[in-house]
PDB file of N, CA and C in Angstrom:
ATOM      1  N   UNK A   1      12.537  -9.453 -19.974  1.00  0.00           N
ATOM      2  CA  UNK A   1      11.536  -8.499 -20.409  1.00  0.00           C
ATOM      3  C   UNK A   1      11.839  -7.082 -19.947  1.00  0.00           C
ATOM      4  N   UNK A   2      12.702  -6.917 -18.977  1.00  0.00           N
ATOM      5  CA  UNK A   2      13.018  -5.585 -18.508  1.00  0.00           C
ATOM      6  C   UNK A   2      12.071  -5.063 -17.439  1.00  0.00           C
ATOM      7  N   UNK A   3      11.170  -5.903 -16.956  1.00  0.00           N
ATOM      8  CA  UNK A   3      10.206  -5.463 -15.955  1.00  0.00           C
ATOM      9  C   UNK A   3      10.487  -6.054 -14.575  1.00  0.00           C
ATOM     10  N   UNK A   4      11.655  -6.653 -14.382  1.00  0.00           N
ATOM     11  CA  UNK A   4      11.960  -7.285 -13.097  1.00  0.00           C
ATOM     12  C   UNK A   4      11.908  -6.295 -11.947  1.00  0.00           C
ATOM     13  N   UNK A   5      12.306  -5.079 -12.171  1.00  0.00           N
ATOM     14  CA  UNK A   5      12.326  -4.105 -11.085  1.00  0.00           C
ATOM     15  C   UNK A   5      10.927  -3.633 -10.708  1.00  0.00           C
ATOM     16  N   UNK A   6       9.905  -4.021 -11.502  1.00  0.00           N
ATOM     17  CA  UNK A   6       8.519  -3.725 -11.137  1.00  0.00           C
ATOM     18  C   UNK A   6       7.996  -4.679 -10.060  1.00  0.00           C
ATOM     19  N   UNK A   7       8.611  -5.814  -9.899  1.00  0.00           N
ATOM     20  CA  UNK A   7       8.085  -6.851  -9.003  1.00  0.00           C
ATOM     21  C   UNK A   7       7.829  -6.364  -7.575  1.00  0.00           C
ATOM     22  N   UNK A   8       8.775  -5.694  -6.910  1.00  0.00           N
ATOM     23  CA  UNK A   8       8.476  -5.216  -5.553  1.00  0.00           C
ATOM     24  C   UNK A   8       7.335  -4.198  -5.526  1.00  0.00           C
ATOM     25  N   UNK A   9       7.255  -3.364  -6.550  1.00  0.00           N
ATOM     26  CA  UNK A   9       6.196  -2.357  -6.587  1.00  0.00           C
ATOM     27  C   UNK A   9       4.833  -2.994  -6.806  1.00  0.00           C
ATOM     28  N   UNK A  10       4.782  -3.990  -7.660  1.00  0.00           N
ATOM     29  CA  UNK A  10       3.525  -4.704  -7.882  1.00  0.00           C
ATOM     30  C   UNK A  10       3.130  -5.453  -6.608  1.00  0.00           C
ATOM     31  N   UNK A  11       4.097  -6.048  -5.936  1.00  0.00           N
ATOM     32  CA  UNK A  11       3.824  -6.716  -4.664  1.00  0.00           C
ATOM     33  C   UNK A  11       3.284  -5.745  -3.621  1.00  0.00           C
ATOM     34  N   UNK A  12       3.852  -4.556  -3.563  1.00  0.00           N
ATOM     35  CA  UNK A  12       3.382  -3.529  -2.635  1.00  0.00           C
ATOM     36  C   UNK A  12       1.939  -3.146  -2.957  1.00  0.00           C
ATOM     37  N   UNK A  13       1.631  -2.965  -4.240  1.00  0.00           N
ATOM     38  CA  UNK A  13       0.262  -2.628  -4.652  1.00  0.00           C
ATOM     39  C   UNK A  13      -0.719  -3.747  -4.300  1.00  0.00           C
ATOM     40  N   UNK A  14      -0.321  -4.989  -4.541  1.00  0.00           N
ATOM     41  CA  UNK A  14      -1.198  -6.124  -4.227  1.00  0.00           C
ATOM     42  C   UNK A  14      -1.423  -6.214  -2.717  1.00  0.00           C
ATOM     43  N   UNK A  15      -0.385  -6.008  -1.939  1.00  0.00           N
ATOM     44  CA  UNK A  15      -0.519  -6.029  -0.482  1.00  0.00           C
ATOM     45  C   UNK A  15      -1.485  -4.944  -0.005  1.00  0.00           C
ATOM     46  N   UNK A  16      -1.351  -3.741  -0.534  1.00  0.00           N
ATOM     47  CA  UNK A  16      -2.234  -2.643  -0.128  1.00  0.00           C
ATOM     48  C   UNK A  16      -3.679  -2.923  -0.521  1.00  0.00           C
ATOM     49  N   UNK A  17      -3.898  -3.420  -1.735  1.00  0.00           N
ATOM     50  CA  UNK A  17      -5.261  -3.724  -2.190  1.00  0.00           C
ATOM     51  C   UNK A  17      -5.874  -4.863  -1.375  1.00  0.00           C
ATOM     52  N   UNK A  18      -5.075  -5.871  -1.048  1.00  0.00           N
ATOM     53  CA  UNK A  18      -5.566  -6.984  -0.242  1.00  0.00           C
ATOM     54  C   UNK A  18      -5.939  -6.517   1.160  1.00  0.00           C
ATOM     55  N   UNK A  19      -5.102  -5.696   1.751  1.00  0.00           N
ATOM     56  CA  UNK A  19      -5.393  -5.174   3.090  1.00  0.00           C
ATOM     57  C   UNK A  19      -6.680  -4.347   3.081  1.00  0.00           C
ATOM     58  N   UNK A  20      -6.827  -3.502   2.072  1.00  0.00           N
ATOM     59  CA  UNK A  20      -8.023  -2.673   1.977  1.00  0.00           C
ATOM     60  C   UNK A  20      -9.275  -3.532   1.795  1.00  0.00           C
ATOM     61  N   UNK A  21      -9.222  -4.512   0.908  1.00  0.00           N
ATOM     62  CA  UNK A  21     -10.379  -5.381   0.669  1.00  0.00           C
ATOM     63  C   UNK A  21     -10.714  -6.199   1.918  1.00  0.00           C
ATOM     64  N   UNK A  22      -9.699  -6.706   2.595  1.00  0.00           N
ATOM     65  CA  UNK A  22      -9.921  -7.502   3.808  1.00  0.00           C
ATOM     66  C   UNK A  22     -10.577  -6.646   4.893  1.00  0.00           C
ATOM     67  N   UNK A  23     -10.075  -5.426   5.072  1.00  0.00           N
ATOM     68  CA  UNK A  23     -10.640  -4.537   6.085  1.00  0.00           C
ATOM     69  C   UNK A  23     -12.098  -4.220   5.791  1.00  0.00           C
ATOM     70  N   UNK A  24     -12.405  -3.877   4.542  1.00  0.00           N
ATOM     71  CA  UNK A  24     -13.791  -3.565   4.182  1.00  0.00           C
ATOM     72  C   UNK A  24     -14.687  -4.787   4.319  1.00  0.00           C
ATOM     73  N   UNK A  25     -14.180  -5.963   3.991  1.00  0.00           N
ATOM     74  CA  UNK A  25     -14.983  -7.183   4.125  1.00  0.00           C
ATOM     75  C   UNK A  25     -15.331  -7.454   5.586  1.00  0.00           C
ATOM     76  N   UNK A  26     -14.414  -7.130   6.486  1.00  0.00           N
ATOM     77  CA  UNK A  26     -14.653  -7.370   7.908  1.00  0.00           C
ATOM     78  C   UNK A  26     -15.628  -6.351   8.491  1.00  0.00           C
ATOM     79  N   UNK A  27     -15.459  -5.071   8.166  1.00  0.00           N
ATOM     80  CA  UNK A  27     -16.239  -4.035   8.855  1.00  0.00           C
ATOM     81  C   UNK A  27     -17.473  -3.556   8.102  1.00  0.00           C
ATOM     82  N   UNK A  28     -17.715  -4.039   6.902  1.00  0.00           N
ATOM     83  CA  UNK A  28     -18.811  -3.519   6.080  1.00  0.00           C
ATOM     84  C   UNK A  28     -20.170  -3.616   6.775  1.00  0.00           C
ATOM     85  N   UNK A  29     -20.454  -4.712   7.428  1.00  0.00           N
ATOM     86  CA  UNK A  29     -21.782  -4.924   8.003  1.00  0.00           C
ATOM     87  C   UNK A  29     -21.904  -4.451   9.455  1.00  0.00           C
ATOM     88  N   UNK A  30     -20.870  -3.852  10.005  1.00  0.00           N
ATOM     89  CA  UNK A  30     -20.913  -3.421  11.405  1.00  0.00           C
ATOM     90  C   UNK A  30     -21.808  -2.202  11.590  1.00  0.00           C
ATOM     91  N   UNK A  31     -22.513  -2.190  12.718  1.00  0.00           N
ATOM     92  CA  UNK A  31     -23.240  -0.982  13.106  1.00  0.00           C
ATOM     93  C   UNK A  31     -22.272  -0.119  13.933  1.00  0.00           C
ATOM     94  N   UNK A  32     -22.677   1.089  14.339  1.00  0.00           N
ATOM     95  CA  UNK A  32     -21.741   1.962  15.070  1.00  0.00           C
ATOM     96  C   UNK A  32     -21.156   1.339  16.339  1.00  0.00           C
ATOM     97  N   UNK A  33     -21.964   0.614  17.092  1.00  0.00           N
ATOM     98  CA  UNK A  33     -21.457   0.004  18.330  1.00  0.00           C
ATOM     99  C   UNK A  33     -20.427  -1.085  18.030  1.00  0.00           C
ATOM    100  N   UNK A  34     -20.695  -1.905  17.019  1.00  0.00           N
ATOM    101  CA  UNK A  34     -19.740  -2.953  16.648  1.00  0.00           C
ATOM    102  C   UNK A  34     -18.449  -2.343  16.110  1.00  0.00           C
ATOM    103  N   UNK A  35     -18.575  -1.264  15.347  1.00  0.00           N
ATOM    104  CA  UNK A  35     -17.390  -0.598  14.813  1.00  0.00           C
ATOM    105  C   UNK A  35     -16.521  -0.064  15.946  1.00  0.00           C
ATOM    106  N   UNK A  36     -17.138   0.576  16.929  1.00  0.00           N
ATOM    107  CA  UNK A  36     -16.388   1.104  18.074  1.00  0.00           C
ATOM    108  C   UNK A  36     -15.716  -0.021  18.856  1.00  0.00           C
ATOM    109  N   UNK A  37     -16.429  -1.111  19.059  1.00  0.00           N
ATOM    110  CA  UNK A  37     -15.865  -2.249  19.782  1.00  0.00           C
ATOM    111  C   UNK A  37     -14.691  -2.854  19.025  1.00  0.00           C
ATOM    112  N   UNK A  38     -14.844  -3.002  17.726  1.00  0.00           N
ATOM    113  CA  UNK A  38     -13.777  -3.563  16.896  1.00  0.00           C
ATOM    114  C   UNK A  38     -12.556  -2.644  16.894  1.00  0.00           C
ATOM    115  N   UNK A  39     -12.793  -1.340  16.802  1.00  0.00           N
ATOM    116  CA  UNK A  39     -11.686  -0.385  16.781  1.00  0.00           C
ATOM    117  C   UNK A  39     -10.910  -0.415  18.092  1.00  0.00           C
ATOM    118  N   UNK A  40     -11.607  -0.518  19.208  1.00  0.00           N
ATOM    119  CA  UNK A  40     -10.925  -0.579  20.500  1.00  0.00           C
ATOM    120  C   UNK A  40     -10.138  -1.876  20.650  1.00  0.00           C
ATOM    121  N   UNK A  41     -10.699  -2.971  20.162  1.00  0.00           N
ATOM    122  CA  UNK A  41     -10.037  -4.274  20.267  1.00  0.00           C
ATOM    123  C   UNK A  41      -8.804  -4.340  19.372  1.00  0.00           C
ATOM    124  N   UNK A  42      -8.895  -3.804  18.169  1.00  0.00           N
ATOM    125  CA  UNK A  42      -7.823  -3.912  17.183  1.00  0.00           C
ATOM    126  C   UNK A  42      -6.788  -2.801  17.277  1.00  0.00           C
ATOM    127  N   UNK A  43      -7.024  -1.791  18.112  1.00  0.00           N
ATOM    128  CA  UNK A  43      -6.141  -0.632  18.128  1.00  0.00           C
ATOM    129  C   UNK A  43      -4.759  -0.988  18.668  1.00  0.00           C
ATOM    130  N   UNK A  44      -3.734  -0.831  17.838  1.00  0.00           N
ATOM    131  CA  UNK A  44      -2.372  -1.043  18.332  1.00  0.00           C
ATOM    132  C   UNK A  44      -1.904   0.208  19.090  1.00  0.00           C
ATOM    133  N   UNK A  45      -0.750   0.125  19.693  1.00  0.00           N
ATOM    134  CA  UNK A  45      -0.210   1.274  20.409  1.00  0.00           C
ATOM    135  C   UNK A  45       0.183   2.395  19.459  1.00  0.00           C
ATOM    136  N   UNK A  46       0.330   3.585  20.003  1.00  0.00           N
ATOM    137  CA  UNK A  46       0.685   4.750  19.187  1.00  0.00           C
ATOM    138  C   UNK A  46       2.019   4.552  18.461  1.00  0.00           C
ATOM    139  N   UNK A  47       2.988   3.991  19.144  1.00  0.00           N
ATOM    140  CA  UNK A  47       4.300   3.807  18.522  1.00  0.00           C
ATOM    141  C   UNK A  47       4.223   2.822  17.360  1.00  0.00           C
ATOM    142  N   UNK A  48       3.402   1.798  17.495  1.00  0.00           N
ATOM    143  CA  UNK A  48       3.238   0.824  16.417  1.00  0.00           C
ATOM    144  C   UNK A  48       2.597   1.477  15.206  1.00  0.00           C
ATOM    145  N   UNK A  49       1.554   2.258  15.437  1.00  0.00           N
ATOM    146  CA  UNK A  49       0.875   2.949  14.335  1.00  0.00           C
ATOM    147  C   UNK A  49       1.833   3.904  13.646  1.00  0.00           C
ATOM    148  N   UNK A  50       2.581   4.671  14.426  1.00  0.00           N
ATOM    149  CA  UNK A  50       3.532   5.612  13.845  1.00  0.00           C
ATOM    150  C   UNK A  50       4.581   4.886  13.009  1.00  0.00           C
ATOM    151  N   UNK A  51       5.104   3.783  13.518  1.00  0.00           N
ATOM    152  CA  UNK A  51       6.117   3.017  12.786  1.00  0.00           C
ATOM    153  C   UNK A  51       5.550   2.444  11.491  1.00  0.00           C
ATOM    154  N   UNK A  52       4.321   1.931  11.536  1.00  0.00           N
ATOM    155  CA  UNK A  52       3.708   1.375  10.325  1.00  0.00           C
ATOM    156  C   UNK A  52       3.447   2.446   9.277  1.00  0.00           C
ATOM    157  N   UNK A  53       2.931   3.588   9.692  1.00  0.00           N
ATOM    158  CA  UNK A  53       2.663   4.671   8.740  1.00  0.00           C
ATOM    159  C   UNK A  53       3.963   5.208   8.159  1.00  0.00           C
ATOM    160  N   UNK A  54       4.953   5.414   9.000  1.00  0.00           N
ATOM    161  CA  UNK A  54       6.242   5.905   8.522  1.00  0.00           C
ATOM    162  C   UNK A  54       6.892   4.904   7.570  1.00  0.00           C
ATOM    163  N   UNK A  55       6.856   3.627   7.919  1.00  0.00           N
ATOM    164  CA  UNK A  55       7.426   2.600   7.043  1.00  0.00           C
ATOM    165  C   UNK A  55       6.721   2.525   5.702  1.00  0.00           C
ATOM    166  N   UNK A  56       5.400   2.588   5.719  1.00  0.00           N
ATOM    167  CA  UNK A  56       4.641   2.568   4.466  1.00  0.00           C
ATOM    168  C   UNK A  56       4.919   3.781   3.606  1.00  0.00           C
ATOM    169  N   UNK A  57       4.996   4.954   4.228  1.00  0.00           N
ATOM    170  CA  UNK A  57       5.279   6.180   3.479  1.00  0.00           C
ATOM    171  C   UNK A  57       6.677   6.133   2.864  1.00  0.00           C
ATOM    172  N   UNK A  58       7.650   5.672   3.631  1.00  0.00           N
ATOM    173  CA  UNK A  58       9.015   5.584   3.102  1.00  0.00           C
ATOM    174  C   UNK A  58       9.114   4.557   1.976  1.00  0.00           C
ATOM    175  N   UNK A  59       8.446   3.426   2.132  1.00  0.00           N
ATOM    176  CA  UNK A  59       8.460   2.418   1.069  1.00  0.00           C
ATOM    177  C   UNK A  59       7.822   2.966  -0.202  1.00  0.00           C
ATOM    178  N   UNK A  60       6.760   3.723  -0.064  1.00  0.00           N
ATOM    179  CA  UNK A  60       6.113   4.312  -1.232  1.00  0.00           C
ATOM    180  C   UNK A  60       7.022   5.334  -1.905  1.00  0.00           C
ATOM    181  N   UNK A  61       7.687   6.155  -1.113  1.00  0.00           N
ATOM    182  CA  UNK A  61       8.609   7.134  -1.691  1.00  0.00           C
ATOM    183  C   UNK A  61       9.781   6.454  -2.396  1.00  0.00           C
ATOM    184  N   UNK A  62      10.290   5.393  -1.818  1.00  0.00           N
ATOM    185  CA  UNK A  62      11.365   4.639  -2.474  1.00  0.00           C
ATOM    186  C   UNK A  62      10.869   4.071  -3.798  1.00  0.00           C
ATOM    187  N   UNK A  63       9.641   3.564  -3.812  1.00  0.00           N
ATOM    188  CA  UNK A  63       9.065   3.042  -5.051  1.00  0.00           C
ATOM    189  C   UNK A  63       8.955   4.095  -6.128  1.00  0.00           C
ATOM    190  N   UNK A  64       8.500   5.274  -5.771  1.00  0.00           N
ATOM    191  CA  UNK A  64       8.409   6.365  -6.746  1.00  0.00           C
ATOM    192  C   UNK A  64       9.804   6.756  -7.217  1.00  0.00           C
ATOM    193  N   UNK A  65      10.763   6.792  -6.298  1.00  0.00           N
ATOM    194  CA  UNK A  65      12.137   7.102  -6.687  1.00  0.00           C
ATOM    195  C   UNK A  65      12.711   6.080  -7.652  1.00  0.00           C
ATOM    196  N   UNK A  66      12.433   4.804  -7.419  1.00  0.00           N
ATOM    197  CA  UNK A  66      12.895   3.749  -8.334  1.00  0.00           C
ATOM    198  C   UNK A  66      12.274   3.943  -9.708  1.00  0.00           C
ATOM    199  N   UNK A  67      10.989   4.233  -9.745  1.00  0.00           N
ATOM    200  CA  UNK A  67      10.329   4.443 -11.033  1.00  0.00           C
ATOM    201  C   UNK A  67      10.903   5.645 -11.767  1.00  0.00           C
ATOM    202  N   UNK A  68      11.168   6.719 -11.062  1.00  0.00           N
ATOM    203  CA  UNK A  68      11.752   7.894 -11.708  1.00  0.00           C
ATOM    204  C   UNK A  68      13.168   7.609 -12.200  1.00  0.00           C
ATOM    205  N   UNK A  69      13.934   6.845 -11.421  1.00  0.00           N
ATOM    206  CA  UNK A  69      15.303   6.527 -11.818  1.00  0.00           C
ATOM    207  C   UNK A  69      15.346   5.591 -13.019  1.00  0.00           C
ATOM    208  N   UNK A  70      14.373   4.692 -13.124  1.00  0.00           N
ATOM    209  CA  UNK A  70      14.365   3.708 -14.198  1.00  0.00           C
ATOM    210  C   UNK A  70      13.589   4.170 -15.431  1.00  0.00           C
ATOM    211  N   UNK A  71      12.965   5.339 -15.368  1.00  0.00           N
ATOM    212  CA  UNK A  71      12.127   5.798 -16.483  1.00  0.00           C
ATOM    213  C   UNK A  71      12.967   5.961 -17.750  1.00  0.00           C
ATOM    214  N   UNK A  72      12.425   5.458 -18.832  1.00  0.00           N
ATOM    215  CA  UNK A  72      13.056   5.572 -20.144  1.00  0.00           C
ATOM    216  C   UNK A  72      12.000   6.063 -21.121  1.00  0.00           C
ATOM    217  N   UNK A  73      12.418   6.606 -22.235  1.00  0.00           N
ATOM    218  CA  UNK A  73      11.435   7.164 -23.177  1.00  0.00           C
ATOM    219  C   UNK A  73      10.733   6.124 -24.053  1.00  0.00           C
ATOM    220  N   UNK A  74      10.741   4.877 -23.663  1.00  0.00           N
ATOM    221  CA  UNK A  74      10.045   3.866 -24.466  1.00  0.00           C
ATOM    222  C   UNK A  74       8.763   3.436 -23.761  1.00  0.00           C
ATOM    223  N   UNK A  75       8.279   2.254 -24.034  1.00  0.00           N
ATOM    224  CA  UNK A  75       6.993   1.788 -23.513  1.00  0.00           C
ATOM    225  C   UNK A  75       6.965   1.613 -22.000  1.00  0.00           C
ATOM    226  N   UNK A  76       8.116   1.489 -21.352  1.00  0.00           N
ATOM    227  CA  UNK A  76       8.156   1.279 -19.911  1.00  0.00           C
ATOM    228  C   UNK A  76       7.603   2.495 -19.168  1.00  0.00           C
ATOM    229  N   UNK A  77       7.826   3.689 -19.694  1.00  0.00           N
ATOM    230  CA  UNK A  77       7.372   4.883 -18.986  1.00  0.00           C
ATOM    231  C   UNK A  77       5.860   4.996 -18.958  1.00  0.00           C
ATOM    232  N   UNK A  78       5.175   4.321 -19.840  1.00  0.00           N
ATOM    233  CA  UNK A  78       3.715   4.341 -19.761  1.00  0.00           C
ATOM    234  C   UNK A  78       3.203   3.371 -18.701  1.00  0.00           C
ATOM    235  N   UNK A  79       3.974   2.356 -18.375  1.00  0.00           N
ATOM    236  CA  UNK A  79       3.583   1.389 -17.359  1.00  0.00           C
ATOM    237  C   UNK A  79       3.983   1.873 -15.965  1.00  0.00           C
ATOM    238  N   UNK A  80       5.115   2.525 -15.844  1.00  0.00           N
ATOM    239  CA  UNK A  80       5.655   2.916 -14.546  1.00  0.00           C
ATOM    240  C   UNK A  80       4.711   3.780 -13.709  1.00  0.00           C
ATOM    241  N   UNK A  81       4.122   4.839 -14.241  1.00  0.00           N
ATOM    242  CA  UNK A  81       3.231   5.646 -13.389  1.00  0.00           C
ATOM    243  C   UNK A  81       2.020   4.873 -12.889  1.00  0.00           C
ATOM    244  N   UNK A  82       1.489   3.971 -13.685  1.00  0.00           N
ATOM    245  CA  UNK A  82       0.316   3.217 -13.240  1.00  0.00           C
ATOM    246  C   UNK A  82       0.668   2.254 -12.111  1.00  0.00           C
ATOM    247  N   UNK A  83       1.856   1.705 -12.124  1.00  0.00           N
ATOM    248  CA  UNK A  83       2.285   0.819 -11.043  1.00  0.00           C
ATOM    249  C   UNK A  83       2.579   1.633  -9.788  1.00  0.00           C
ATOM    250  N   UNK A  84       3.102   2.838  -9.951  1.00  0.00           N
ATOM    251  CA  UNK A  84       3.428   3.685  -8.802  1.00  0.00           C
ATOM    252  C   UNK A  84       2.188   4.110  -8.047  1.00  0.00           C
ATOM    253  N   UNK A  85       1.097   4.299  -8.763  1.00  0.00           N
ATOM    254  CA  UNK A  85      -0.143   4.738  -8.117  1.00  0.00           C
ATOM    255  C   UNK A  85      -0.797   3.547  -7.498  1.00  0.00           C
TER     256      UNK A  85
END
């Protein structure tokens, strides 16, 4: 079908959406004290946070680069931007 190279990008999108939904499901009903307690308990070290943010940002940039490199003037270019976002 020509969409095989979309698979990692779709997986990345599903992972991000799942993480966001899971986080909101856990913290939605918390009051301020519970939120503070949860944040202190779950807080990773600064280096871990920096590595995760940097890794996610680089993976996203690579994904956008792949989409730009694979863009063609047919129907694929209408699908590519929506997967990138």
